[in-house]
Amino acid sequence: MEITDVTADIRMLRFPVGQAYAVRLPDGYALVDCGWAGHERRILDALRGLGELREILITHGHTDHYGAAAGLAEATGARILAGAAAF
């Protein structure tokens, strides 16, 4: 998984298909989209050292954007946020 610093507070995680963004929060970070199911451990390993995953924001209902959300939430206690229009 390729990780790119976009700014001091935003990192982009590039998957074989698509990407996700880790955004620093005052008490951890939020993940905007999260890749396919099965990528949970790779995502958490890639973001080690940022602090706790607090929120997962889903932008829309494609599986490459929300697939890992349930597993990440279960592993970390992060809450999942998605607008009704996302699905």
N, C-alpha and C. Protein backbone atom coordinates (compact mmCIF):
# COMPACT_ATOMS: atom_id res chain seq x y z
N MET A 1 0.84 -1.17 0.00
CA MET A 1 0.00 0.00 0.00
C MET A 1 0.89 1.23 0.00
N GLU A 2 0.66 2.12 -0.92
CA GLU A 2 1.42 3.36 -1.00
C GLU A 2 0.77 4.42 -0.12
N ILE A 3 1.59 5.13 0.66
CA ILE A 3 1.10 6.20 1.52
C ILE A 3 1.80 7.49 1.12
N THR A 4 1.02 8.54 0.91
CA THR A 4 1.55 9.83 0.50
C THR A 4 1.07 10.90 1.47
N ASP A 5 1.98 11.73 1.96
CA ASP A 5 1.59 12.88 2.77
C ASP A 5 1.05 13.95 1.83
N VAL A 6 -0.22 14.29 1.98
CA VAL A 6 -0.85 15.34 1.18
C VAL A 6 -0.57 16.69 1.82
N THR A 7 -0.79 16.76 3.13
CA THR A 7 -0.43 17.92 3.95
C THR A 7 0.10 17.35 5.26
N ALA A 8 0.42 18.22 6.20
CA ALA A 8 0.88 17.75 7.51
C ALA A 8 -0.22 16.97 8.24
N ASP A 9 -1.48 17.21 7.88
CA ASP A 9 -2.61 16.59 8.57
C ASP A 9 -3.40 15.58 7.74
N ILE A 10 -2.99 15.35 6.50
CA ILE A 10 -3.73 14.44 5.62
C ILE A 10 -2.76 13.48 4.94
N ARG A 11 -3.06 12.19 5.03
CA ARG A 11 -2.28 11.16 4.34
C ARG A 11 -3.21 10.42 3.38
N MET A 12 -2.71 10.13 2.18
CA MET A 12 -3.47 9.36 1.22
C MET A 12 -2.94 7.93 1.19
N LEU A 13 -3.85 6.97 1.29
CA LEU A 13 -3.52 5.56 1.19
C LEU A 13 -4.01 5.10 -0.17
N ARG A 14 -3.11 4.66 -1.02
CA ARG A 14 -3.50 4.25 -2.37
C ARG A 14 -3.59 2.73 -2.41
N PHE A 15 -4.75 2.23 -2.82
CA PHE A 15 -5.01 0.81 -2.97
C PHE A 15 -4.85 0.44 -4.44
N PRO A 16 -4.86 -0.85 -4.75
CA PRO A 16 -4.81 -1.24 -6.16
C PRO A 16 -5.94 -0.58 -6.97
N VAL A 17 -7.09 -0.43 -6.32
CA VAL A 17 -8.22 0.30 -6.92
C VAL A 17 -8.65 1.34 -5.90
N GLY A 18 -8.51 2.62 -6.20
CA GLY A 18 -8.98 3.69 -5.33
C GLY A 18 -7.99 4.11 -4.26
N GLN A 19 -8.48 4.97 -3.38
CA GLN A 19 -7.67 5.48 -2.29
C GLN A 19 -8.55 5.88 -1.12
N ALA A 20 -7.91 6.08 0.02
CA ALA A 20 -8.55 6.57 1.23
C ALA A 20 -7.68 7.69 1.78
N TYR A 21 -8.25 8.49 2.66
CA TYR A 21 -7.51 9.60 3.25
C TYR A 21 -7.64 9.56 4.76
N ALA A 22 -6.52 9.65 5.45
CA ALA A 22 -6.50 9.77 6.90
C ALA A 22 -6.33 11.25 7.22
N VAL A 23 -7.26 11.78 8.01
CA VAL A 23 -7.27 13.20 8.36
C VAL A 23 -7.10 13.33 9.86
N ARG A 24 -6.09 14.07 10.27
CA ARG A 24 -5.81 14.25 11.69
C ARG A 24 -6.94 15.01 12.37
N LEU A 25 -7.35 14.50 13.54
CA LEU A 25 -8.32 15.15 14.41
C LEU A 25 -7.60 15.52 15.71
N PRO A 26 -8.20 16.34 16.55
CA PRO A 26 -7.53 16.68 17.81
C PRO A 26 -7.21 15.47 18.69
N ASP A 27 -8.01 14.39 18.57
CA ASP A 27 -7.83 13.23 19.44
C ASP A 27 -7.58 11.93 18.68
N GLY A 28 -7.05 12.01 17.48
CA GLY A 28 -6.80 10.82 16.69
C GLY A 28 -6.90 11.16 15.21
N TYR A 29 -7.65 10.35 14.46
CA TYR A 29 -7.82 10.65 13.06
C TYR A 29 -9.13 10.08 12.54
N ALA A 30 -9.56 10.62 11.41
CA ALA A 30 -10.72 10.13 10.67
C ALA A 30 -10.21 9.53 9.37
N LEU A 31 -10.88 8.52 8.90
CA LEU A 31 -10.55 7.90 7.64
C LEU A 31 -11.69 8.19 6.66
N VAL A 32 -11.37 8.86 5.57
CA VAL A 32 -12.35 9.16 4.54
C VAL A 32 -12.26 8.05 3.51
N ASP A 33 -13.31 7.24 3.46
CA ASP A 33 -13.35 6.00 2.68
C ASP A 33 -12.32 5.04 3.26
N CYS A 34 -12.43 3.76 2.90
CA CYS A 34 -11.57 2.80 3.60
C CYS A 34 -11.22 1.55 2.80
N GLY A 35 -11.46 1.53 1.55
CA GLY A 35 -11.03 0.39 0.75
C GLY A 35 -11.89 -0.84 0.92
N TRP A 36 -11.45 -1.90 0.29
CA TRP A 36 -12.18 -3.17 0.26
C TRP A 36 -12.11 -3.90 1.59
N ALA A 37 -13.11 -4.72 1.86
CA ALA A 37 -13.06 -5.64 3.00
C ALA A 37 -11.81 -6.51 2.84
N GLY A 38 -11.17 -6.82 3.93
CA GLY A 38 -9.95 -7.60 3.91
C GLY A 38 -8.69 -6.76 4.00
N HIS A 39 -8.82 -5.45 3.85
CA HIS A 39 -7.66 -4.56 3.94
C HIS A 39 -7.49 -3.96 5.34
N GLU A 40 -8.31 -4.36 6.28
CA GLU A 40 -8.31 -3.73 7.59
C GLU A 40 -6.95 -3.72 8.27
N ARG A 41 -6.29 -4.85 8.35
CA ARG A 41 -4.99 -4.93 9.05
C ARG A 41 -3.95 -4.08 8.33
N ARG A 42 -3.93 -4.13 7.01
CA ARG A 42 -2.97 -3.31 6.25
C ARG A 42 -3.21 -1.83 6.50
N ILE A 43 -4.46 -1.42 6.57
CA ILE A 43 -4.79 -0.01 6.83
C ILE A 43 -4.31 0.39 8.22
N LEU A 44 -4.65 -0.41 9.22
CA LEU A 44 -4.25 -0.08 10.59
C LEU A 44 -2.73 -0.08 10.74
N ASP A 45 -2.05 -1.01 10.10
CA ASP A 45 -0.58 -1.02 10.15
C ASP A 45 -0.01 0.22 9.49
N ALA A 46 -0.58 0.63 8.37
CA ALA A 46 -0.09 1.80 7.64
C ALA A 46 -0.26 3.08 8.44
N LEU A 47 -1.29 3.13 9.28
CA LEU A 47 -1.60 4.35 10.01
C LEU A 47 -1.12 4.33 11.46
N ARG A 48 -0.37 3.31 11.79
CA ARG A 48 0.16 3.21 13.16
C ARG A 48 0.96 4.47 13.48
N GLY A 49 0.78 4.98 14.67
CA GLY A 49 1.50 6.18 15.09
C GLY A 49 0.71 7.46 14.93
N LEU A 50 -0.43 7.41 14.22
CA LEU A 50 -1.26 8.61 14.07
C LEU A 50 -2.15 8.84 15.27
N GLY A 51 -2.37 7.83 16.06
CA GLY A 51 -3.32 7.92 17.15
C GLY A 51 -4.49 7.00 16.86
N GLU A 52 -5.56 7.17 17.59
CA GLU A 52 -6.71 6.28 17.46
C GLU A 52 -7.58 6.66 16.27
N LEU A 53 -8.09 5.63 15.60
CA LEU A 53 -9.08 5.85 14.56
C LEU A 53 -10.39 6.17 15.25
N ARG A 54 -10.91 7.36 15.05
CA ARG A 54 -12.13 7.82 15.72
C ARG A 54 -13.36 7.75 14.83
N GLU A 55 -13.19 8.08 13.55
CA GLU A 55 -14.33 8.14 12.64
C GLU A 55 -13.95 7.59 11.28
N ILE A 56 -14.94 6.98 10.63
CA ILE A 56 -14.80 6.51 9.25
C ILE A 56 -15.92 7.18 8.47
N LEU A 57 -15.55 8.01 7.53
CA LEU A 57 -16.52 8.74 6.72
C LEU A 57 -16.62 8.07 5.36
N ILE A 58 -17.82 7.63 5.01
CA ILE A 58 -18.06 6.97 3.74
C ILE A 58 -18.67 7.99 2.78
N THR A 59 -18.01 8.19 1.63
CA THR A 59 -18.49 9.20 0.69
C THR A 59 -19.60 8.71 -0.22
N HIS A 60 -19.56 7.42 -0.57
CA HIS A 60 -20.63 6.86 -1.39
C HIS A 60 -20.59 5.34 -1.37
N GLY A 61 -21.63 4.72 -1.89
CA GLY A 61 -21.86 3.30 -1.71
C GLY A 61 -21.21 2.36 -2.69
N HIS A 62 -19.95 2.54 -3.00
CA HIS A 62 -19.20 1.55 -3.77
C HIS A 62 -18.34 0.76 -2.81
N THR A 63 -18.25 -0.56 -3.03
CA THR A 63 -17.55 -1.41 -2.06
C THR A 63 -16.08 -1.06 -1.88
N ASP A 64 -15.46 -0.43 -2.86
CA ASP A 64 -14.07 -0.02 -2.67
C ASP A 64 -13.96 1.21 -1.78
N HIS A 65 -15.09 1.80 -1.41
CA HIS A 65 -15.10 2.95 -0.51
C HIS A 65 -15.57 2.59 0.91
N TYR A 66 -16.38 1.53 1.04
CA TYR A 66 -16.89 1.18 2.37
C TYR A 66 -16.59 -0.24 2.83
N GLY A 67 -15.99 -1.06 1.99
CA GLY A 67 -15.85 -2.48 2.30
C GLY A 67 -15.19 -2.80 3.63
N ALA A 68 -14.17 -2.07 4.03
CA ALA A 68 -13.44 -2.35 5.27
C ALA A 68 -14.03 -1.64 6.48
N ALA A 69 -15.09 -0.87 6.29
CA ALA A 69 -15.62 -0.04 7.39
C ALA A 69 -16.04 -0.85 8.61
N ALA A 70 -16.82 -1.90 8.43
CA ALA A 70 -17.30 -2.68 9.57
C ALA A 70 -16.14 -3.31 10.33
N GLY A 71 -15.19 -3.88 9.62
CA GLY A 71 -14.04 -4.50 10.28
C GLY A 71 -13.19 -3.49 11.02
N LEU A 72 -12.99 -2.32 10.43
CA LEU A 72 -12.21 -1.28 11.11
C LEU A 72 -12.93 -0.77 12.35
N ALA A 73 -14.24 -0.58 12.24
CA ALA A 73 -15.02 -0.11 13.39
C ALA A 73 -14.98 -1.14 14.51
N GLU A 74 -15.09 -2.41 14.16
CA GLU A 74 -15.05 -3.47 15.17
C GLU A 74 -13.68 -3.51 15.85
N ALA A 75 -12.63 -3.34 15.08
CA ALA A 75 -11.27 -3.42 15.62
C ALA A 75 -10.90 -2.22 16.48
N THR A 76 -11.49 -1.06 16.19
CA THR A 76 -11.05 0.18 16.83
C THR A 76 -12.11 0.91 17.66
N GLY A 77 -13.38 0.59 17.45
CA GLY A 77 -14.46 1.33 18.10
C GLY A 77 -14.81 2.62 17.39
N ALA A 78 -14.22 2.87 16.23
CA ALA A 78 -14.54 4.09 15.47
C ALA A 78 -16.00 4.07 15.05
N ARG A 79 -16.58 5.24 14.95
CA ARG A 79 -17.96 5.31 14.46
C ARG A 79 -17.93 5.54 12.95
N ILE A 80 -18.94 5.00 12.30
CA ILE A 80 -19.05 5.11 10.84
C ILE A 80 -20.07 6.19 10.52
N LEU A 81 -19.66 7.12 9.64
CA LEU A 81 -20.53 8.21 9.23
C LEU A 81 -20.78 8.11 7.73
N ALA A 82 -22.04 8.20 7.34
CA ALA A 82 -22.39 8.18 5.92
C ALA A 82 -23.74 8.85 5.76
N GLY A 83 -23.86 9.70 4.79
CA GLY A 83 -25.13 10.33 4.50
C GLY A 83 -26.05 9.34 3.82
N ALA A 84 -27.35 9.54 3.91
CA ALA A 84 -28.31 8.66 3.27
C ALA A 84 -28.08 8.61 1.77
N ALA A 85 -27.65 9.70 1.19
CA ALA A 85 -27.41 9.74 -0.26
C ALA A 85 -26.22 8.87 -0.66
N ALA A 86 -25.38 8.50 0.30
CA ALA A 86 -24.21 7.67 0.00
C ALA A 86 -24.64 6.27 -0.42
N PHE A 87 -25.84 5.86 0.01
CA PHE A 87 -26.32 4.52 -0.29
C PHE A 87 -27.67 4.62 -0.92
